Amino acid sequence: MPKSLKAVLFDLDGTLVDSAPDLHVAANLLMVENDRRELSLPEIIKMIGDGVPKLVERSFAATGDVPDTDTLAAASKRYLEFYEPHAADLSTPFPGAIACLERLKSAGYTLAVCTNKPYDATMEMLATLDLDEHLSVVIGGDTLPGIKKPDPRHLLAALEKLDIGVDAAVMIGDNANDVNAAKGADIPVIVCRFGYTNGPAEDLDGDLVIDHFDDLPNAFAELPTG
């Protein structure tokens, strides 16, 4: 375990929250509006993790030709018009997530979210699902201009706001962006097998893999020391 672990950084989509159903609805509203076929939920799950512009681009790519850059930018804005007011209509915390946050906070850990989801949609979701009260810092995909995971600066910005060093932090995520951002910041990373990872969680080469949030607090003791 990192010496004197103080900060636990969480990804959001596919880690704390099963958000795919609402992302799916918004994507299909956009596709129908653009005379494209609707996407299946498994298709959308494979597109999650790189932020809204990439999800929109992948949605178009899966249903026909990809529009030009300006059209994609406008489509991303339109997607958010569909999505943000309903970001938590169907989304739910993964089993054990809220209890885990409560347990960690009670134990003295400082908690943050680092997500590629736009900040406003993130805060809407966190508030609706009663997750926001447990968090000290939230870094969204548009909080830092041009900086998203896997850029390690995304995680480092959260730690700077918390005034906690990388030697006292751990990242919890479900995909390659989370793992690569953590490795770039020299932060240990735990991968959630239940998330939206494409392929076996072990293939992401995180430090540990958990099957349920009940496993997380005890997993800290198994992390490599700095």
C-alpha atoms as a PDB file:
ATOM      1  CA  MET A   1       0.000   0.000   0.000  1.00  0.00           C
ATOM      2  CA  PRO A   2       1.261   3.518  -0.728  1.00  0.00           C
ATOM      3  CA  LYS A   3       2.598   5.067   2.445  1.00  0.00           C
ATOM      4  CA  SER A   4      -0.085   7.056   4.280  1.00  0.00           C
ATOM      5  CA  LEU A   5      -2.740   6.663   1.571  1.00  0.00           C
ATOM      6  CA  LYS A   6      -4.974   9.734   1.737  1.00  0.00           C
ATOM      7  CA  ALA A   7      -6.731  10.271  -1.606  1.00  0.00           C
ATOM      8  CA  VAL A   8      -8.899   7.900  -3.634  1.00  0.00           C
ATOM      9  CA  LEU A   9      -9.650   9.063  -7.189  1.00  0.00           C
ATOM     10  CA  PHE A  10     -12.587   7.455  -8.997  1.00  0.00           C
ATOM     11  CA  ASP A  11     -13.595   7.317 -12.617  1.00  0.00           C
ATOM     12  CA  LEU A  12     -17.360   7.765 -13.061  1.00  0.00           C
ATOM     13  CA  ASP A  13     -18.902   5.950 -16.056  1.00  0.00           C
ATOM     14  CA  GLY A  14     -18.362   2.228 -15.686  1.00  0.00           C
ATOM     15  CA  THR A  15     -16.732   2.617 -12.286  1.00  0.00           C
ATOM     16  CA  LEU A  16     -18.972   4.363  -9.765  1.00  0.00           C
ATOM     17  CA  VAL A  17     -22.047   4.480 -11.989  1.00  0.00           C
ATOM     18  CA  ASP A  18     -23.689   2.201 -14.544  1.00  0.00           C
ATOM     19  CA  SER A  19     -24.470   5.136 -16.824  1.00  0.00           C
ATOM     20  CA  ALA A  20     -24.722   3.340 -20.153  1.00  0.00           C
ATOM     21  CA  PRO A  21     -28.559   3.306 -20.305  1.00  0.00           C
ATOM     22  CA  ASP A  22     -28.839   7.124 -20.333  1.00  0.00           C
ATOM     23  CA  LEU A  23     -25.904   7.509 -22.721  1.00  0.00           C
ATOM     24  CA  HIS A  24     -27.672   4.983 -24.947  1.00  0.00           C
ATOM     25  CA  VAL A  25     -30.961   6.882 -24.994  1.00  0.00           C
ATOM     26  CA  ALA A  26     -29.276  10.177 -25.898  1.00  0.00           C
ATOM     27  CA  ALA A  27     -27.205   8.559 -28.641  1.00  0.00           C
ATOM     28  CA  ASN A  28     -30.282   7.056 -30.247  1.00  0.00           C
ATOM     29  CA  LEU A  29     -32.186  10.342 -30.117  1.00  0.00           C
ATOM     30  CA  LEU A  30     -29.269  11.905 -31.975  1.00  0.00           C
ATOM     31  CA  MET A  31     -29.072   9.063 -34.482  1.00  0.00           C
ATOM     32  CA  VAL A  32     -32.796   9.159 -35.245  1.00  0.00           C
ATOM     33  CA  GLU A  33     -32.639  12.931 -35.700  1.00  0.00           C
ATOM     34  CA  ASN A  34     -29.874  12.357 -38.261  1.00  0.00           C
ATOM     35  CA  ASP A  35     -31.740   9.580 -40.090  1.00  0.00           C
ATOM     36  CA  ARG A  36     -29.414   6.883 -38.774  1.00  0.00           C
ATOM     37  CA  ARG A  37     -30.302   3.506 -37.319  1.00  0.00           C
ATOM     38  CA  GLU A  38     -30.547   3.099 -33.559  1.00  0.00           C
ATOM     39  CA  LEU A  39     -27.632   1.572 -31.664  1.00  0.00           C
ATOM     40  CA  SER A  40     -27.822  -1.337 -29.256  1.00  0.00           C
ATOM     41  CA  LEU A  41     -26.778  -0.979 -25.625  1.00  0.00           C
ATOM     42  CA  PRO A  42     -23.747  -3.292 -26.091  1.00  0.00           C
ATOM     43  CA  GLU A  43     -22.619  -1.098 -28.997  1.00  0.00           C
ATOM     44  CA  ILE A  44     -22.784   2.029 -26.830  1.00  0.00           C
ATOM     45  CA  ILE A  45     -20.945   0.394 -23.938  1.00  0.00           C
ATOM     46  CA  LYS A  46     -17.974  -0.219 -26.236  1.00  0.00           C
ATOM     47  CA  MET A  47     -17.928   3.507 -27.111  1.00  0.00           C
ATOM     48  CA  ILE A  48     -17.824   4.870 -23.547  1.00  0.00           C
ATOM     49  CA  GLY A  49     -14.750   6.285 -21.871  1.00  0.00           C
ATOM     50  CA  ASP A  50     -13.266   8.952 -24.137  1.00  0.00           C
ATOM     51  CA  GLY A  51     -15.798  11.734 -23.646  1.00  0.00           C
ATOM     52  CA  VAL A  52     -18.853  12.896 -25.579  1.00  0.00           C
ATOM     53  CA  PRO A  53     -17.165  13.955 -28.858  1.00  0.00           C
ATOM     54  CA  LYS A  54     -15.652  10.498 -29.287  1.00  0.00           C
ATOM     55  CA  LEU A  55     -18.906   8.762 -28.365  1.00  0.00           C
ATOM     56  CA  VAL A  56     -20.747  10.846 -30.957  1.00  0.00           C
ATOM     57  CA  GLU A  57     -18.097  10.193 -33.606  1.00  0.00           C
ATOM     58  CA  ARG A  58     -18.208   6.461 -32.905  1.00  0.00           C
ATOM     59  CA  SER A  59     -22.006   6.477 -33.060  1.00  0.00           C
ATOM     60  CA  PHE A  60     -21.918   7.999 -36.530  1.00  0.00           C
ATOM     61  CA  ALA A  61     -19.140   5.638 -37.623  1.00  0.00           C
ATOM     62  CA  ALA A  62     -21.212   2.637 -36.533  1.00  0.00           C
ATOM     63  CA  THR A  63     -24.246   3.787 -38.500  1.00  0.00           C
ATOM     64  CA  GLY A  64     -22.735   5.162 -41.714  1.00  0.00           C
ATOM     65  CA  ASP A  65     -20.335   7.863 -42.818  1.00  0.00           C
ATOM     66  CA  VAL A  66     -18.636  10.109 -40.251  1.00  0.00           C
ATOM     67  CA  PRO A  67     -19.531  13.798 -40.740  1.00  0.00           C
ATOM     68  CA  ASP A  68     -16.933  16.548 -41.035  1.00  0.00           C
ATOM     69  CA  THR A  69     -15.357  18.143 -37.968  1.00  0.00           C
ATOM     70  CA  ASP A  70     -17.766  21.084 -37.736  1.00  0.00           C
ATOM     71  CA  THR A  71     -20.808  18.838 -38.084  1.00  0.00           C
ATOM     72  CA  LEU A  72     -19.458  16.511 -35.391  1.00  0.00           C
ATOM     73  CA  ALA A  73     -18.902  19.452 -33.049  1.00  0.00           C
ATOM     74  CA  ALA A  74     -22.494  20.590 -33.557  1.00  0.00           C
ATOM     75  CA  ALA A  75     -23.712  17.021 -33.083  1.00  0.00           C
ATOM     76  CA  SER A  76     -21.820  16.771 -29.790  1.00  0.00           C
ATOM     77  CA  LYS A  77     -23.581  19.892 -28.531  1.00  0.00           C
ATOM     78  CA  ARG A  78     -26.908  18.465 -29.650  1.00  0.00           C
ATOM     79  CA  TYR A  79     -26.104  15.187 -27.892  1.00  0.00           C
ATOM     80  CA  LEU A  80     -25.578  17.076 -24.631  1.00  0.00           C
ATOM     81  CA  GLU A  81     -28.944  18.790 -25.084  1.00  0.00           C
ATOM     82  CA  PHE A  82     -30.517  15.348 -25.122  1.00  0.00           C
ATOM     83  CA  TYR A  83     -28.307  13.912 -22.400  1.00  0.00           C
ATOM     84  CA  GLU A  84     -27.658  16.483 -19.671  1.00  0.00           C
ATOM     85  CA  PRO A  85     -31.271  16.948 -18.461  1.00  0.00           C
ATOM     86  CA  HIS A  86     -31.611  13.162 -18.205  1.00  0.00           C
ATOM     87  CA  ALA A  87     -28.092  12.091 -17.204  1.00  0.00           C
ATOM     88  CA  ALA A  88     -29.372  10.062 -14.263  1.00  0.00           C
ATOM     89  CA  ASP A  89     -32.842   8.953 -15.359  1.00  0.00           C
ATOM     90  CA  LEU A  90     -31.804   5.323 -15.823  1.00  0.00           C
ATOM     91  CA  SER A  91     -28.277   5.359 -14.418  1.00  0.00           C
ATOM     92  CA  THR A  92     -27.568   3.739 -11.061  1.00  0.00           C
ATOM     93  CA  PRO A  93     -24.527   3.388  -8.806  1.00  0.00           C
ATOM     94  CA  PHE A  94     -22.858   0.011  -9.139  1.00  0.00           C
ATOM     95  CA  PRO A  95     -23.638  -2.376  -6.256  1.00  0.00           C
ATOM     96  CA  GLY A  96     -21.805  -1.357  -3.122  1.00  0.00           C
ATOM     97  CA  ALA A  97     -20.571   1.977  -4.522  1.00  0.00           C
ATOM     98  CA  ILE A  98     -22.355   4.292  -2.094  1.00  0.00           C
ATOM     99  CA  ALA A  99     -21.573   2.134   0.931  1.00  0.00           C
ATOM    100  CA  CYS A 100     -17.928   2.044  -0.156  1.00  0.00           C
ATOM    101  CA  LEU A 101     -17.741   5.838  -0.442  1.00  0.00           C
ATOM    102  CA  GLU A 102     -19.319   6.197   2.986  1.00  0.00           C
ATOM    103  CA  ARG A 103     -16.905   3.685   4.477  1.00  0.00           C
ATOM    104  CA  LEU A 104     -13.844   5.315   2.918  1.00  0.00           C
ATOM    105  CA  LYS A 105     -14.881   8.816   3.934  1.00  0.00           C
ATOM    106  CA  SER A 106     -15.566   7.668   7.496  1.00  0.00           C
ATOM    107  CA  ALA A 107     -12.100   6.096   7.548  1.00  0.00           C
ATOM    108  CA  GLY A 108     -10.566   9.487   6.749  1.00  0.00           C
ATOM    109  CA  TYR A 109      -9.850   9.169   3.031  1.00  0.00           C
ATOM    110  CA  THR A 110     -10.400  12.162   0.751  1.00  0.00           C
ATOM    111  CA  LEU A 111     -12.426  11.236  -2.338  1.00  0.00           C
ATOM    112  CA  ALA A 112     -12.529  12.719  -5.832  1.00  0.00           C
ATOM    113  CA  VAL A 113     -13.913  11.948  -9.285  1.00  0.00           C
ATOM    114  CA  CYS A 114     -11.824  12.246 -12.457  1.00  0.00           C
ATOM    115  CA  THR A 115     -14.009  11.678 -15.510  1.00  0.00           C
ATOM    116  CA  ASN A 116     -13.994  12.488 -19.216  1.00  0.00           C
ATOM    117  CA  LYS A 117     -17.729  13.249 -18.964  1.00  0.00           C
ATOM    118  CA  PRO A 118     -18.523  16.987 -19.239  1.00  0.00           C
ATOM    119  CA  TYR A 119     -18.556  18.694 -15.845  1.00  0.00           C
ATOM    120  CA  ASP A 120     -22.198  19.849 -15.885  1.00  0.00           C
ATOM    121  CA  ALA A 121     -23.497  16.391 -16.777  1.00  0.00           C
ATOM    122  CA  THR A 122     -21.205  14.905 -14.147  1.00  0.00           C
ATOM    123  CA  MET A 123     -22.519  17.169 -11.399  1.00  0.00           C
ATOM    124  CA  GLU A 124     -26.128  16.529 -12.451  1.00  0.00           C
ATOM    125  CA  MET A 125     -25.547  12.797 -12.162  1.00  0.00           C
ATOM    126  CA  LEU A 126     -23.639  12.958  -8.882  1.00  0.00           C
ATOM    127  CA  ALA A 127     -26.297  15.137  -7.253  1.00  0.00           C
ATOM    128  CA  THR A 128     -29.221  13.041  -8.488  1.00  0.00           C
ATOM    129  CA  LEU A 129     -27.610   9.815  -7.281  1.00  0.00           C
ATOM    130  CA  ASP A 130     -26.549  11.334  -3.926  1.00  0.00           C
ATOM    131  CA  LEU A 131     -22.872  10.758  -4.633  1.00  0.00           C
ATOM    132  CA  ASP A 132     -21.743  14.392  -4.562  1.00  0.00           C
ATOM    133  CA  GLU A 133     -21.809  14.707  -0.780  1.00  0.00           C
ATOM    134  CA  HIS A 134     -18.958  12.216  -0.471  1.00  0.00           C
ATOM    135  CA  LEU A 135     -16.606  13.994  -2.877  1.00  0.00           C
ATOM    136  CA  SER A 136     -14.151  16.812  -2.242  1.00  0.00           C
ATOM    137  CA  VAL A 137     -13.141  17.461  -5.870  1.00  0.00           C
ATOM    138  CA  VAL A 138     -14.626  16.701  -9.290  1.00  0.00           C
ATOM    139  CA  ILE A 139     -12.610  17.062 -12.500  1.00  0.00           C
ATOM    140  CA  GLY A 140     -14.698  16.742 -15.666  1.00  0.00           C
ATOM    141  CA  GLY A 141     -13.707  16.212 -19.256  1.00  0.00           C
ATOM    142  CA  ASP A 142     -13.998  19.943 -19.956  1.00  0.00           C
ATOM    143  CA  THR A 143     -12.648  21.247 -16.633  1.00  0.00           C
ATOM    144  CA  LEU A 144      -9.134  21.576 -18.044  1.00  0.00           C
ATOM    145  CA  PRO A 145      -9.099  22.838 -21.663  1.00  0.00           C
ATOM    146  CA  GLY A 146      -7.718  20.150 -23.936  1.00  0.00           C
ATOM    147  CA  ILE A 147      -6.844  17.793 -21.083  1.00  0.00           C
ATOM    148  CA  LYS A 148      -8.644  14.486 -20.586  1.00  0.00           C
ATOM    149  CA  LYS A 149      -7.592  11.040 -19.461  1.00  0.00           C
ATOM    150  CA  PRO A 150      -5.269   9.339 -20.400  1.00  0.00           C
ATOM    151  CA  ASP A 151      -3.366  12.596 -19.863  1.00  0.00           C
ATOM    152  CA  PRO A 152      -1.978  12.259 -16.321  1.00  0.00           C
ATOM    153  CA  ARG A 153      -2.494  15.985 -15.762  1.00  0.00           C
ATOM    154  CA  HIS A 154      -6.190  15.206 -15.381  1.00  0.00           C
ATOM    155  CA  LEU A 155      -5.472  13.250 -12.190  1.00  0.00           C
ATOM    156  CA  LEU A 156      -2.701  15.570 -11.054  1.00  0.00           C
ATOM    157  CA  ALA A 157      -5.136  18.504 -11.184  1.00  0.00           C
ATOM    158  CA  ALA A 158      -7.406  16.728  -8.714  1.00  0.00           C
ATOM    159  CA  LEU A 159      -4.510  16.024  -6.370  1.00  0.00           C
ATOM    160  CA  GLU A 160      -3.348  19.632  -6.624  1.00  0.00           C
ATOM    161  CA  LYS A 161      -6.796  20.829  -5.552  1.00  0.00           C
ATOM    162  CA  LEU A 162      -6.712  18.333  -2.678  1.00  0.00           C
ATOM    163  CA  ASP A 163      -3.129  19.325  -1.792  1.00  0.00           C
ATOM    164  CA  ILE A 164      -2.186  15.639  -1.692  1.00  0.00           C
ATOM    165  CA  GLY A 165       0.839  14.100  -3.415  1.00  0.00           C
ATOM    166  CA  VAL A 166       0.921  11.195  -5.842  1.00  0.00           C
ATOM    167  CA  ASP A 167       2.622   9.041  -3.219  1.00  0.00           C
ATOM    168  CA  ALA A 168      -0.559   9.185  -1.123  1.00  0.00           C
ATOM    169  CA  ALA A 169      -3.124   8.485  -3.860  1.00  0.00           C
ATOM    170  CA  VAL A 170      -4.760   5.620  -5.740  1.00  0.00           C
ATOM    171  CA  MET A 171      -6.926   5.615  -8.886  1.00  0.00           C
ATOM    172  CA  ILE A 172      -9.999   3.413  -9.343  1.00  0.00           C
ATOM    173  CA  GLY A 173     -11.207   2.895 -12.916  1.00  0.00           C
ATOM    174  CA  ASP A 174     -12.424   0.504 -15.563  1.00  0.00           C
ATOM    175  CA  ASN A 175     -10.634   1.226 -18.833  1.00  0.00           C
ATOM    176  CA  ALA A 176      -7.300   1.918 -20.476  1.00  0.00           C
ATOM    177  CA  ASN A 177      -7.629   5.692 -20.085  1.00  0.00           C
ATOM    178  CA  ASP A 178      -7.819   5.316 -16.312  1.00  0.00           C
ATOM    179  CA  VAL A 179      -4.864   2.950 -16.153  1.00  0.00           C
ATOM    180  CA  ASN A 180      -2.688   4.989 -18.488  1.00  0.00           C
ATOM    181  CA  ALA A 181      -3.466   8.276 -16.743  1.00  0.00           C
ATOM    182  CA  ALA A 182      -2.589   6.734 -13.388  1.00  0.00           C
ATOM    183  CA  LYS A 183       0.623   5.182 -14.667  1.00  0.00           C
ATOM    184  CA  GLY A 184       1.613   8.479 -16.259  1.00  0.00           C
ATOM    185  CA  ALA A 185       1.099  10.203 -12.926  1.00  0.00           C
ATOM    186  CA  ASP A 186       2.937   7.427 -11.050  1.00  0.00           C
ATOM    187  CA  ILE A 187      -0.220   6.544  -9.108  1.00  0.00           C
ATOM    188  CA  PRO A 188      -1.243   2.916  -8.434  1.00  0.00           C
ATOM    189  CA  VAL A 189      -4.485   1.901 -10.111  1.00  0.00           C
ATOM    190  CA  ILE A 190      -7.202  -0.618  -9.295  1.00  0.00           C
ATOM    191  CA  VAL A 191      -9.405  -1.870 -12.146  1.00  0.00           C
ATOM    192  CA  CYS A 192     -13.103  -2.719 -11.697  1.00  0.00           C
ATOM    193  CA  ARG A 193     -13.957  -5.937 -13.516  1.00  0.00           C
ATOM    194  CA  PHE A 194     -17.649  -5.002 -13.530  1.00  0.00           C
ATOM    195  CA  GLY A 195     -17.095  -1.851 -15.615  1.00  0.00           C
ATOM    196  CA  TYR A 196     -17.059  -1.091 -19.325  1.00  0.00           C
ATOM    197  CA  THR A 197     -13.612  -2.424 -20.141  1.00  0.00           C
ATOM    198  CA  ASN A 198     -13.290  -4.018 -23.568  1.00  0.00           C
ATOM    199  CA  GLY A 199     -11.823  -7.449 -22.883  1.00  0.00           C
ATOM    200  CA  PRO A 200     -10.505  -8.976 -19.655  1.00  0.00           C
ATOM    201  CA  ALA A 201      -9.802  -6.442 -16.903  1.00  0.00           C
ATOM    202  CA  GLU A 202      -6.440  -8.084 -16.272  1.00  0.00           C
ATOM    203  CA  ASP A 203      -5.310  -7.124 -19.773  1.00  0.00           C
ATOM    204  CA  LEU A 204      -5.345  -3.449 -18.783  1.00  0.00           C
ATOM    205  CA  ASP A 205      -2.277  -4.084 -16.620  1.00  0.00           C
ATOM    206  CA  GLY A 206      -3.511  -2.292 -13.526  1.00  0.00           C
ATOM    207  CA  ASP A 207      -2.014  -3.049 -10.133  1.00  0.00           C
ATOM    208  CA  LEU A 208      -5.093  -4.930  -8.892  1.00  0.00           C
ATOM    209  CA  VAL A 209      -8.533  -6.008 -10.117  1.00  0.00           C
ATOM    210  CA  ILE A 210     -11.666  -6.040  -7.951  1.00  0.00           C
ATOM    211  CA  ASP A 211     -15.004  -7.746  -8.592  1.00  0.00           C
ATOM    212  CA  HIS A 212     -17.145  -5.653  -6.218  1.00  0.00           C
ATOM    213  CA  PHE A 213     -16.837  -2.445  -4.234  1.00  0.00           C
ATOM    214  CA  ASP A 214     -16.929  -4.497  -1.045  1.00  0.00           C
ATOM    215  CA  ASP A 215     -13.416  -5.632  -2.011  1.00  0.00           C
ATOM    216  CA  LEU A 216     -11.948  -2.142  -2.368  1.00  0.00           C
ATOM    217  CA  PRO A 217     -10.943  -1.066   1.151  1.00  0.00           C
ATOM    218  CA  ASN A 218      -9.089  -4.304   1.833  1.00  0.00           C
ATOM    219  CA  ALA A 219      -7.419  -4.126  -1.590  1.00  0.00           C
ATOM    220  CA  PHE A 220      -5.458  -1.045  -0.543  1.00  0.00           C
ATOM    221  CA  ALA A 221      -3.201  -3.203   1.612  1.00  0.00           C
ATOM    222  CA  GLU A 222      -2.194  -5.197  -1.483  1.00  0.00           C
ATOM    223  CA  LEU A 223      -1.045  -2.186  -3.514  1.00  0.00           C
ATOM    224  CA  PRO A 224       2.659  -1.829  -4.265  1.00  0.00           C
ATOM    225  CA  THR A 225       4.572   0.479  -1.980  1.00  0.00           C
ATOM    226  CA  GLY A 226       6.170   3.584  -3.423  1.00  0.00           C
END
